[in-house]
Amino acid sequence: MPPETQVGANTFGVTINGRVYVPRTPTGTGIGGSNGQAMELWRASNFSWYELEIKDGKSPAGFNMKIHIDHLAGVGSILLKQSDFHDQYDSGLFTHIYFKVWDSNISNYAYYGSVDNQGEINVTRLDSGIFSANFKGKFIRYDNPNEFIQITDGRFDINAFTLPNAVFP
């Protein structure tokens, strides 16, 4: 797990079910998509929302998480809302997180999304192109709302200017 920093180190880490996930540049095609970026920051043209997408494109199963933040105003805590499992312009106008992880019990991906008011993103720095935060919360499974995952240690520290050229081994 990378250390929690606020220097624009272009790092991300989260533990899910005892496994640490970090961005890794995809090889070939698959979960990483065609652009080959392991971590990308998207935003609306009017800056009404930001979205951080994280991919592990090197492991056999992969991982993909989207952190959608509506009306990012600065440092402070933002409550997570019920995820609609949509990204970018298709997402609702609220802050949420959703992700997919491999579930060996079904030999397929399982999708999990944030639960209304049961998690938060704590923005610790937002200036000079640096966006740092930690996050935690309860995430329910898309196809089984009785199954959930608790995340307590999510974190990221990005530099919007250097992120497009960052390499994630």
N, C-alpha and C. Protein backbone atom coordinates (compact mmCIF):
# COMPACT_ATOMS: atom_id res chain seq x y z
N MET A 1 0.85 -1.18 0.00
CA MET A 1 0.00 0.00 0.00
C MET A 1 0.89 1.24 0.00
N PRO A 2 0.64 2.16 -0.92
CA PRO A 2 1.47 3.37 -0.92
C PRO A 2 1.19 4.22 0.31
N PRO A 3 2.17 5.00 0.73
CA PRO A 3 1.94 5.88 1.88
C PRO A 3 0.94 6.98 1.51
N GLU A 4 0.27 7.52 2.51
CA GLU A 4 -0.66 8.62 2.29
C GLU A 4 0.15 9.91 2.21
N THR A 5 0.16 10.54 1.03
CA THR A 5 0.95 11.75 0.80
C THR A 5 0.07 12.85 0.19
N GLN A 6 0.63 14.04 0.13
CA GLN A 6 -0.06 15.20 -0.45
C GLN A 6 0.92 16.01 -1.29
N VAL A 7 1.69 15.31 -2.13
CA VAL A 7 2.73 15.97 -2.92
C VAL A 7 2.56 15.78 -4.42
N GLY A 8 1.48 15.13 -4.84
CA GLY A 8 1.28 14.85 -6.26
C GLY A 8 2.11 13.69 -6.75
N ALA A 9 2.22 12.64 -5.93
CA ALA A 9 3.07 11.49 -6.23
C ALA A 9 2.46 10.52 -7.26
N ASN A 10 1.22 10.77 -7.69
CA ASN A 10 0.51 9.88 -8.62
C ASN A 10 0.44 8.46 -8.07
N THR A 11 -0.11 8.37 -6.87
CA THR A 11 -0.28 7.07 -6.22
C THR A 11 -1.75 6.85 -5.89
N PHE A 12 -2.10 5.58 -5.73
CA PHE A 12 -3.43 5.16 -5.33
C PHE A 12 -3.28 3.81 -4.66
N GLY A 13 -4.09 3.56 -3.64
CA GLY A 13 -4.11 2.25 -3.02
C GLY A 13 -5.40 2.05 -2.26
N VAL A 14 -5.87 0.81 -2.24
CA VAL A 14 -7.07 0.45 -1.48
C VAL A 14 -6.99 -1.04 -1.18
N THR A 15 -7.47 -1.43 0.00
CA THR A 15 -7.54 -2.84 0.36
C THR A 15 -8.99 -3.28 0.27
N ILE A 16 -9.22 -4.35 -0.49
CA ILE A 16 -10.56 -4.92 -0.65
C ILE A 16 -10.45 -6.41 -0.38
N ASN A 17 -11.20 -6.87 0.62
CA ASN A 17 -11.18 -8.29 1.01
C ASN A 17 -9.76 -8.80 1.24
N GLY A 18 -8.93 -7.99 1.90
CA GLY A 18 -7.58 -8.41 2.25
C GLY A 18 -6.55 -8.27 1.14
N ARG A 19 -6.96 -7.82 -0.02
CA ARG A 19 -6.02 -7.68 -1.14
C ARG A 19 -5.82 -6.19 -1.45
N VAL A 20 -4.56 -5.80 -1.61
CA VAL A 20 -4.24 -4.41 -1.93
C VAL A 20 -4.30 -4.23 -3.45
N TYR A 21 -5.00 -3.19 -3.87
CA TYR A 21 -5.08 -2.85 -5.29
C TYR A 21 -4.39 -1.52 -5.53
N VAL A 22 -3.55 -1.49 -6.55
CA VAL A 22 -2.86 -0.28 -6.98
C VAL A 22 -2.97 -0.22 -8.50
N PRO A 23 -2.82 0.97 -9.09
CA PRO A 23 -2.88 1.05 -10.55
C PRO A 23 -1.65 0.40 -11.18
N ARG A 24 -1.89 -0.34 -12.25
CA ARG A 24 -0.80 -0.92 -13.03
C ARG A 24 -1.15 -0.79 -14.50
N THR A 25 -0.20 -0.29 -15.26
CA THR A 25 -0.43 -0.04 -16.67
C THR A 25 -0.81 -1.33 -17.38
N PRO A 26 -1.91 -1.29 -18.12
CA PRO A 26 -2.38 -2.50 -18.82
C PRO A 26 -1.40 -2.97 -19.88
N THR A 27 -1.40 -4.27 -20.09
CA THR A 27 -0.65 -4.86 -21.19
C THR A 27 -1.66 -5.49 -22.13
N GLY A 28 -1.51 -5.28 -23.40
CA GLY A 28 -2.45 -5.83 -24.37
C GLY A 28 -3.80 -5.14 -24.27
N THR A 29 -4.86 -5.92 -24.43
CA THR A 29 -6.21 -5.37 -24.34
C THR A 29 -6.93 -6.02 -23.17
N GLY A 30 -8.05 -5.50 -22.82
CA GLY A 30 -8.82 -6.07 -21.72
C GLY A 30 -9.31 -4.99 -20.80
N ILE A 31 -9.23 -5.25 -19.51
CA ILE A 31 -9.82 -4.34 -18.53
C ILE A 31 -9.24 -2.94 -18.60
N GLY A 32 -8.02 -2.82 -19.04
CA GLY A 32 -7.39 -1.51 -19.09
C GLY A 32 -7.85 -0.63 -20.23
N GLY A 33 -8.57 -1.18 -21.18
CA GLY A 33 -9.04 -0.38 -22.30
C GLY A 33 -7.94 -0.16 -23.33
N SER A 34 -8.25 0.58 -24.35
CA SER A 34 -7.32 0.74 -25.45
C SER A 34 -6.30 1.85 -25.23
N ASN A 35 -6.54 2.75 -24.27
CA ASN A 35 -5.63 3.87 -24.09
C ASN A 35 -4.42 3.54 -23.23
N GLY A 36 -4.44 2.44 -22.52
CA GLY A 36 -3.27 2.01 -21.78
C GLY A 36 -2.96 2.78 -20.52
N GLN A 37 -3.86 3.61 -20.04
CA GLN A 37 -3.61 4.38 -18.82
C GLN A 37 -4.13 3.61 -17.60
N ALA A 38 -3.31 3.55 -16.57
CA ALA A 38 -3.71 2.87 -15.34
C ALA A 38 -4.49 3.78 -14.41
N MET A 39 -4.30 5.08 -14.55
CA MET A 39 -5.04 6.03 -13.72
C MET A 39 -5.28 7.29 -14.56
N GLU A 40 -6.55 7.71 -14.59
CA GLU A 40 -6.91 8.88 -15.38
C GLU A 40 -7.83 9.78 -14.58
N LEU A 41 -7.69 11.07 -14.80
CA LEU A 41 -8.58 12.05 -14.17
C LEU A 41 -9.39 12.71 -15.27
N TRP A 42 -10.70 12.61 -15.14
CA TRP A 42 -11.63 13.21 -16.10
C TRP A 42 -12.34 14.36 -15.40
N ARG A 43 -12.86 15.29 -16.20
CA ARG A 43 -13.67 16.37 -15.63
C ARG A 43 -14.64 16.87 -16.68
N ALA A 44 -15.73 17.46 -16.20
CA ALA A 44 -16.67 18.10 -17.10
C ALA A 44 -16.05 19.39 -17.63
N SER A 45 -16.45 19.81 -18.81
CA SER A 45 -15.88 21.02 -19.39
C SER A 45 -16.16 22.25 -18.53
N ASN A 46 -17.25 22.22 -17.75
CA ASN A 46 -17.56 23.34 -16.87
C ASN A 46 -17.10 23.09 -15.43
N PHE A 47 -16.30 22.05 -15.23
CA PHE A 47 -15.72 21.68 -13.93
C PHE A 47 -16.80 21.31 -12.89
N SER A 48 -17.98 20.91 -13.33
CA SER A 48 -19.05 20.56 -12.38
C SER A 48 -18.81 19.20 -11.73
N TRP A 49 -18.00 18.35 -12.32
CA TRP A 49 -17.64 17.08 -11.70
C TRP A 49 -16.23 16.68 -12.13
N TYR A 50 -15.63 15.85 -11.28
CA TYR A 50 -14.34 15.22 -11.56
C TYR A 50 -14.51 13.73 -11.38
N GLU A 51 -13.72 12.95 -12.11
CA GLU A 51 -13.79 11.50 -11.94
C GLU A 51 -12.40 10.91 -12.08
N LEU A 52 -12.02 10.13 -11.09
CA LEU A 52 -10.75 9.43 -11.11
C LEU A 52 -11.03 7.97 -11.43
N GLU A 53 -10.38 7.46 -12.47
CA GLU A 53 -10.53 6.05 -12.84
C GLU A 53 -9.20 5.35 -12.61
N ILE A 54 -9.27 4.22 -11.91
CA ILE A 54 -8.08 3.45 -11.55
C ILE A 54 -8.24 2.05 -12.10
N LYS A 55 -7.18 1.53 -12.73
CA LYS A 55 -7.22 0.19 -13.32
C LYS A 55 -5.96 -0.59 -12.92
N ASP A 56 -6.16 -1.87 -12.67
CA ASP A 56 -5.03 -2.79 -12.58
C ASP A 56 -5.12 -3.65 -13.83
N GLY A 57 -4.32 -3.31 -14.81
CA GLY A 57 -4.37 -4.01 -16.08
C GLY A 57 -3.36 -5.11 -16.23
N LYS A 58 -2.64 -5.45 -15.17
CA LYS A 58 -1.62 -6.50 -15.28
C LYS A 58 -1.99 -7.80 -14.59
N SER A 59 -2.83 -7.74 -13.58
CA SER A 59 -3.18 -8.99 -12.91
C SER A 59 -4.12 -9.79 -13.81
N PRO A 60 -4.17 -11.10 -13.64
CA PRO A 60 -5.05 -11.92 -14.49
C PRO A 60 -6.52 -11.52 -14.39
N ALA A 61 -6.94 -11.06 -13.23
CA ALA A 61 -8.35 -10.73 -13.04
C ALA A 61 -8.63 -9.25 -13.24
N GLY A 62 -7.67 -8.40 -12.96
CA GLY A 62 -7.87 -6.97 -13.12
C GLY A 62 -8.69 -6.35 -12.00
N PHE A 63 -8.86 -5.05 -12.11
CA PHE A 63 -9.59 -4.25 -11.13
C PHE A 63 -9.90 -2.93 -11.80
N ASN A 64 -11.05 -2.36 -11.50
CA ASN A 64 -11.40 -1.06 -12.05
C ASN A 64 -12.27 -0.33 -11.03
N MET A 65 -11.89 0.90 -10.69
CA MET A 65 -12.66 1.72 -9.74
C MET A 65 -12.86 3.10 -10.34
N LYS A 66 -14.05 3.64 -10.11
CA LYS A 66 -14.35 5.01 -10.54
C LYS A 66 -14.84 5.80 -9.34
N ILE A 67 -14.16 6.92 -9.11
CA ILE A 67 -14.49 7.83 -8.02
C ILE A 67 -15.03 9.10 -8.66
N HIS A 68 -16.33 9.30 -8.55
CA HIS A 68 -17.02 10.43 -9.20
C HIS A 68 -17.35 11.46 -8.13
N ILE A 69 -16.82 12.67 -8.29
CA ILE A 69 -17.03 13.73 -7.30
C ILE A 69 -17.76 14.89 -7.97
N ASP A 70 -18.93 15.19 -7.46
CA ASP A 70 -19.75 16.27 -7.99
C ASP A 70 -19.44 17.56 -7.24
N HIS A 71 -19.25 18.63 -7.97
CA HIS A 71 -19.00 19.96 -7.40
C HIS A 71 -17.87 19.96 -6.37
N LEU A 72 -16.71 19.54 -6.80
CA LEU A 72 -15.52 19.53 -5.94
C LEU A 72 -15.14 20.97 -5.61
N ALA A 73 -15.22 21.31 -4.33
CA ALA A 73 -15.05 22.71 -3.93
C ALA A 73 -13.73 23.00 -3.23
N GLY A 74 -13.08 21.99 -2.69
CA GLY A 74 -11.83 22.23 -1.98
C GLY A 74 -11.60 21.17 -0.93
N VAL A 75 -10.73 21.47 0.01
CA VAL A 75 -10.38 20.54 1.08
C VAL A 75 -11.58 20.33 1.99
N GLY A 76 -11.77 19.09 2.43
CA GLY A 76 -12.86 18.78 3.35
C GLY A 76 -13.48 17.44 3.03
N SER A 77 -14.47 17.08 3.83
CA SER A 77 -15.13 15.79 3.73
C SER A 77 -16.38 15.88 2.85
N ILE A 78 -16.55 14.87 2.00
CA ILE A 78 -17.70 14.79 1.10
C ILE A 78 -18.38 13.45 1.35
N LEU A 79 -19.66 13.46 1.70
CA LEU A 79 -20.40 12.22 1.91
C LEU A 79 -20.63 11.51 0.59
N LEU A 80 -20.50 10.18 0.63
CA LEU A 80 -20.81 9.37 -0.54
C LEU A 80 -22.31 9.14 -0.61
N LYS A 81 -22.82 9.11 -1.82
CA LYS A 81 -24.23 8.81 -2.07
C LYS A 81 -24.33 7.43 -2.70
N GLN A 82 -25.56 6.92 -2.79
CA GLN A 82 -25.82 5.62 -3.40
C GLN A 82 -25.34 5.66 -4.85
N SER A 83 -24.46 4.74 -5.21
CA SER A 83 -23.92 4.72 -6.56
C SER A 83 -25.00 4.33 -7.57
N ASP A 84 -24.97 4.99 -8.72
CA ASP A 84 -25.85 4.59 -9.82
C ASP A 84 -25.10 3.74 -10.85
N PHE A 85 -23.82 3.43 -10.56
CA PHE A 85 -22.98 2.60 -11.41
C PHE A 85 -22.81 3.18 -12.81
N HIS A 86 -22.86 4.52 -12.92
CA HIS A 86 -22.62 5.21 -14.18
C HIS A 86 -21.45 6.16 -14.00
N ASP A 87 -20.79 6.45 -15.10
CA ASP A 87 -19.63 7.33 -15.01
C ASP A 87 -19.79 8.56 -15.88
N GLN A 88 -18.90 9.47 -15.67
CA GLN A 88 -18.78 10.73 -16.40
C GLN A 88 -20.14 11.40 -16.61
N TYR A 89 -20.49 11.74 -17.85
CA TYR A 89 -21.73 12.49 -18.10
C TYR A 89 -22.98 11.66 -17.83
N ASP A 90 -22.86 10.34 -17.81
CA ASP A 90 -24.02 9.48 -17.54
C ASP A 90 -24.32 9.36 -16.05
N SER A 91 -23.38 9.77 -15.22
CA SER A 91 -23.56 9.68 -13.77
C SER A 91 -24.57 10.71 -13.29
N GLY A 92 -25.23 10.37 -12.18
CA GLY A 92 -26.08 11.36 -11.53
C GLY A 92 -25.24 12.49 -10.97
N LEU A 93 -25.89 13.55 -10.56
CA LEU A 93 -25.20 14.73 -10.04
C LEU A 93 -24.95 14.59 -8.54
N PHE A 94 -24.12 13.62 -8.18
CA PHE A 94 -23.78 13.36 -6.79
C PHE A 94 -22.45 12.63 -6.73
N THR A 95 -21.85 12.59 -5.56
CA THR A 95 -20.55 11.95 -5.36
C THR A 95 -20.76 10.49 -5.00
N HIS A 96 -20.08 9.61 -5.72
CA HIS A 96 -20.20 8.17 -5.46
C HIS A 96 -18.96 7.45 -5.98
N ILE A 97 -18.82 6.20 -5.54
CA ILE A 97 -17.72 5.34 -5.97
C ILE A 97 -18.32 4.00 -6.36
N TYR A 98 -17.81 3.43 -7.45
CA TYR A 98 -18.15 2.04 -7.75
C TYR A 98 -16.92 1.35 -8.34
N PHE A 99 -16.90 0.03 -8.23
CA PHE A 99 -15.75 -0.72 -8.69
C PHE A 99 -16.14 -2.14 -9.03
N LYS A 100 -15.26 -2.80 -9.77
CA LYS A 100 -15.45 -4.21 -10.05
C LYS A 100 -14.19 -4.96 -9.66
N VAL A 101 -14.41 -6.12 -9.05
CA VAL A 101 -13.34 -7.01 -8.65
C VAL A 101 -13.71 -8.42 -9.08
N TRP A 102 -12.71 -9.25 -9.27
CA TRP A 102 -12.95 -10.63 -9.68
C TRP A 102 -13.50 -11.43 -8.51
N ASP A 103 -14.54 -12.20 -8.77
CA ASP A 103 -15.14 -13.08 -7.76
C ASP A 103 -14.96 -14.51 -8.25
N SER A 104 -14.04 -15.23 -7.63
CA SER A 104 -13.76 -16.60 -8.07
C SER A 104 -14.93 -17.54 -7.83
N ASN A 105 -15.85 -17.18 -6.94
CA ASN A 105 -17.03 -18.02 -6.69
C ASN A 105 -17.96 -18.09 -7.90
N ILE A 106 -17.98 -17.03 -8.69
CA ILE A 106 -18.85 -17.02 -9.87
C ILE A 106 -18.04 -16.96 -11.17
N SER A 107 -16.72 -16.97 -11.05
CA SER A 107 -15.81 -16.87 -12.20
C SER A 107 -16.16 -15.69 -13.10
N ASN A 108 -16.41 -14.56 -12.45
CA ASN A 108 -16.76 -13.35 -13.18
C ASN A 108 -16.51 -12.15 -12.26
N TYR A 109 -16.73 -10.97 -12.80
CA TYR A 109 -16.57 -9.76 -12.00
C TYR A 109 -17.81 -9.51 -11.16
N ALA A 110 -17.58 -8.97 -9.97
CA ALA A 110 -18.67 -8.51 -9.10
C ALA A 110 -18.53 -7.00 -9.00
N TYR A 111 -19.65 -6.32 -9.12
CA TYR A 111 -19.68 -4.86 -9.06
C TYR A 111 -20.20 -4.40 -7.71
N TYR A 112 -19.52 -3.41 -7.13
CA TYR A 112 -19.91 -2.86 -5.83
C TYR A 112 -20.01 -1.34 -5.95
N GLY A 113 -20.98 -0.76 -5.24
CA GLY A 113 -21.15 0.68 -5.27
C GLY A 113 -21.38 1.24 -3.88
N SER A 114 -21.06 2.51 -3.74
CA SER A 114 -21.22 3.18 -2.44
C SER A 114 -22.68 3.21 -2.01
N VAL A 115 -22.86 3.26 -0.68
CA VAL A 115 -24.18 3.29 -0.05
C VAL A 115 -24.43 4.71 0.45
N ASP A 116 -25.64 5.17 0.32
CA ASP A 116 -26.02 6.53 0.69
C ASP A 116 -25.61 6.87 2.12
N ASN A 117 -24.78 7.90 2.28
CA ASN A 117 -24.35 8.44 3.57
C ASN A 117 -23.63 7.44 4.47
N GLN A 118 -23.01 6.40 3.89
CA GLN A 118 -22.26 5.43 4.69
C GLN A 118 -20.80 5.37 4.25
N GLY A 119 -20.30 6.50 3.84
CA GLY A 119 -18.90 6.60 3.46
C GLY A 119 -18.57 8.04 3.13
N GLU A 120 -17.27 8.29 2.95
CA GLU A 120 -16.86 9.66 2.65
C GLU A 120 -15.54 9.68 1.90
N ILE A 121 -15.35 10.78 1.20
CA ILE A 121 -14.06 11.12 0.60
C ILE A 121 -13.57 12.33 1.37
N ASN A 122 -12.38 12.23 1.92
CA ASN A 122 -11.80 13.35 2.66
C ASN A 122 -10.69 13.96 1.81
N VAL A 123 -10.99 15.08 1.17
CA VAL A 123 -10.01 15.77 0.33
C VAL A 123 -9.03 16.50 1.24
N THR A 124 -7.75 16.14 1.13
CA THR A 124 -6.73 16.71 2.01
C THR A 124 -5.88 17.78 1.32
N ARG A 125 -5.89 17.78 -0.02
CA ARG A 125 -5.21 18.85 -0.75
C ARG A 125 -5.86 18.99 -2.13
N LEU A 126 -6.05 20.23 -2.54
CA LEU A 126 -6.60 20.53 -3.86
C LEU A 126 -6.08 21.90 -4.29
N ASP A 127 -4.87 21.91 -4.82
CA ASP A 127 -4.28 23.16 -5.32
C ASP A 127 -3.08 22.85 -6.20
N SER A 128 -2.72 23.78 -7.05
CA SER A 128 -1.54 23.67 -7.92
C SER A 128 -1.53 22.37 -8.72
N GLY A 129 -2.71 21.89 -9.10
CA GLY A 129 -2.81 20.65 -9.86
C GLY A 129 -2.74 19.39 -9.03
N ILE A 130 -2.55 19.52 -7.72
CA ILE A 130 -2.45 18.35 -6.84
C ILE A 130 -3.81 18.08 -6.20
N PHE A 131 -4.22 16.83 -6.28
CA PHE A 131 -5.51 16.37 -5.75
C PHE A 131 -5.22 15.15 -4.89
N SER A 132 -5.34 15.31 -3.57
CA SER A 132 -5.05 14.24 -2.62
C SER A 132 -6.26 14.00 -1.74
N ALA A 133 -6.52 12.73 -1.42
CA ALA A 133 -7.67 12.40 -0.58
C ALA A 133 -7.55 10.99 -0.05
N ASN A 134 -8.35 10.70 0.95
CA ASN A 134 -8.54 9.33 1.40
C ASN A 134 -10.03 9.07 1.40
N PHE A 135 -10.40 7.79 1.38
CA PHE A 135 -11.82 7.47 1.33
C PHE A 135 -12.10 6.17 2.07
N LYS A 136 -13.35 6.06 2.51
CA LYS A 136 -13.79 4.87 3.22
C LYS A 136 -15.30 4.76 3.04
N GLY A 137 -15.82 3.57 3.32
CA GLY A 137 -17.26 3.43 3.24
C GLY A 137 -17.73 2.00 3.09
N LYS A 138 -19.04 1.89 3.03
CA LYS A 138 -19.71 0.61 2.82
C LYS A 138 -20.14 0.55 1.35
N PHE A 139 -19.87 -0.58 0.72
CA PHE A 139 -20.16 -0.76 -0.70
C PHE A 139 -20.97 -2.04 -0.89
N ILE A 140 -22.14 -1.90 -1.51
CA ILE A 140 -23.00 -3.07 -1.71
C ILE A 140 -22.81 -3.63 -3.11
N ARG A 141 -23.06 -4.92 -3.19
CA ARG A 141 -22.93 -5.61 -4.47
C ARG A 141 -24.14 -5.29 -5.35
N TYR A 142 -23.88 -5.03 -6.61
CA TYR A 142 -24.92 -4.61 -7.55
C TYR A 142 -26.03 -5.65 -7.68
N ASP A 143 -25.67 -6.92 -7.79
CA ASP A 143 -26.67 -7.96 -8.02
C ASP A 143 -27.10 -8.68 -6.74
N ASN A 144 -26.60 -8.23 -5.59
CA ASN A 144 -26.99 -8.83 -4.31
C ASN A 144 -26.81 -7.80 -3.20
N PRO A 145 -27.85 -6.99 -2.93
CA PRO A 145 -27.72 -5.92 -1.94
C PRO A 145 -27.50 -6.40 -0.50
N ASN A 146 -27.59 -7.71 -0.27
CA ASN A 146 -27.31 -8.25 1.06
C ASN A 146 -25.81 -8.48 1.27
N GLU A 147 -25.03 -8.37 0.22
CA GLU A 147 -23.58 -8.57 0.31
C GLU A 147 -22.89 -7.21 0.22
N PHE A 148 -21.99 -6.96 1.14
CA PHE A 148 -21.29 -5.68 1.11
C PHE A 148 -19.83 -5.85 1.49
N ILE A 149 -19.06 -4.84 1.14
CA ILE A 149 -17.64 -4.75 1.46
C ILE A 149 -17.42 -3.43 2.19
N GLN A 150 -16.62 -3.47 3.24
CA GLN A 150 -16.26 -2.26 3.97
C GLN A 150 -14.84 -1.88 3.57
N ILE A 151 -14.64 -0.66 3.11
CA ILE A 151 -13.31 -0.14 2.79
C ILE A 151 -12.96 0.90 3.84
N THR A 152 -11.75 0.78 4.40
CA THR A 152 -11.34 1.70 5.47
C THR A 152 -10.08 2.49 5.13
N ASP A 153 -9.39 2.14 4.04
CA ASP A 153 -8.05 2.70 3.85
C ASP A 153 -7.75 3.19 2.44
N GLY A 154 -8.76 3.57 1.66
CA GLY A 154 -8.51 4.05 0.31
C GLY A 154 -7.79 5.39 0.33
N ARG A 155 -6.90 5.60 -0.64
CA ARG A 155 -6.14 6.86 -0.68
C ARG A 155 -5.62 7.11 -2.09
N PHE A 156 -5.45 8.37 -2.41
CA PHE A 156 -4.80 8.73 -3.66
C PHE A 156 -4.15 10.10 -3.53
N ASP A 157 -3.15 10.31 -4.36
CA ASP A 157 -2.40 11.57 -4.40
C ASP A 157 -1.95 11.76 -5.84
N ILE A 158 -2.61 12.66 -6.57
CA ILE A 158 -2.29 12.81 -7.98
C ILE A 158 -1.87 14.24 -8.31
N ASN A 159 -1.12 14.33 -9.38
CA ASN A 159 -0.75 15.61 -9.96
C ASN A 159 -1.39 15.63 -11.35
N ALA A 160 -2.38 16.47 -11.54
CA ALA A 160 -3.13 16.49 -12.80
C ALA A 160 -2.25 16.82 -14.00
N PHE A 161 -1.14 17.51 -13.77
CA PHE A 161 -0.26 17.88 -14.88
C PHE A 161 0.64 16.72 -15.32
N THR A 162 1.07 15.88 -14.37
CA THR A 162 1.99 14.79 -14.71
C THR A 162 1.29 13.44 -14.84
N LEU A 163 0.06 13.32 -14.38
CA LEU A 163 -0.66 12.04 -14.41
C LEU A 163 -0.76 11.44 -15.82
N PRO A 164 -1.04 12.22 -16.87
CA PRO A 164 -1.18 11.60 -18.20
C PRO A 164 0.07 10.87 -18.68
N ASN A 165 1.23 11.22 -18.17
CA ASN A 165 2.48 10.58 -18.60
C ASN A 165 3.06 9.65 -17.54
N ALA A 166 2.35 9.47 -16.44
CA ALA A 166 2.86 8.61 -15.36
C ALA A 166 2.87 7.15 -15.80
N VAL A 167 3.85 6.42 -15.31
CA VAL A 167 3.98 4.99 -15.60
C VAL A 167 3.70 4.22 -14.32
N PHE A 168 2.89 3.19 -14.44
CA PHE A 168 2.53 2.37 -13.28
C PHE A 168 2.95 0.94 -13.59
N PRO A 169 4.11 0.51 -13.06
CA PRO A 169 4.65 -0.82 -13.40
C PRO A 169 3.79 -1.96 -12.88
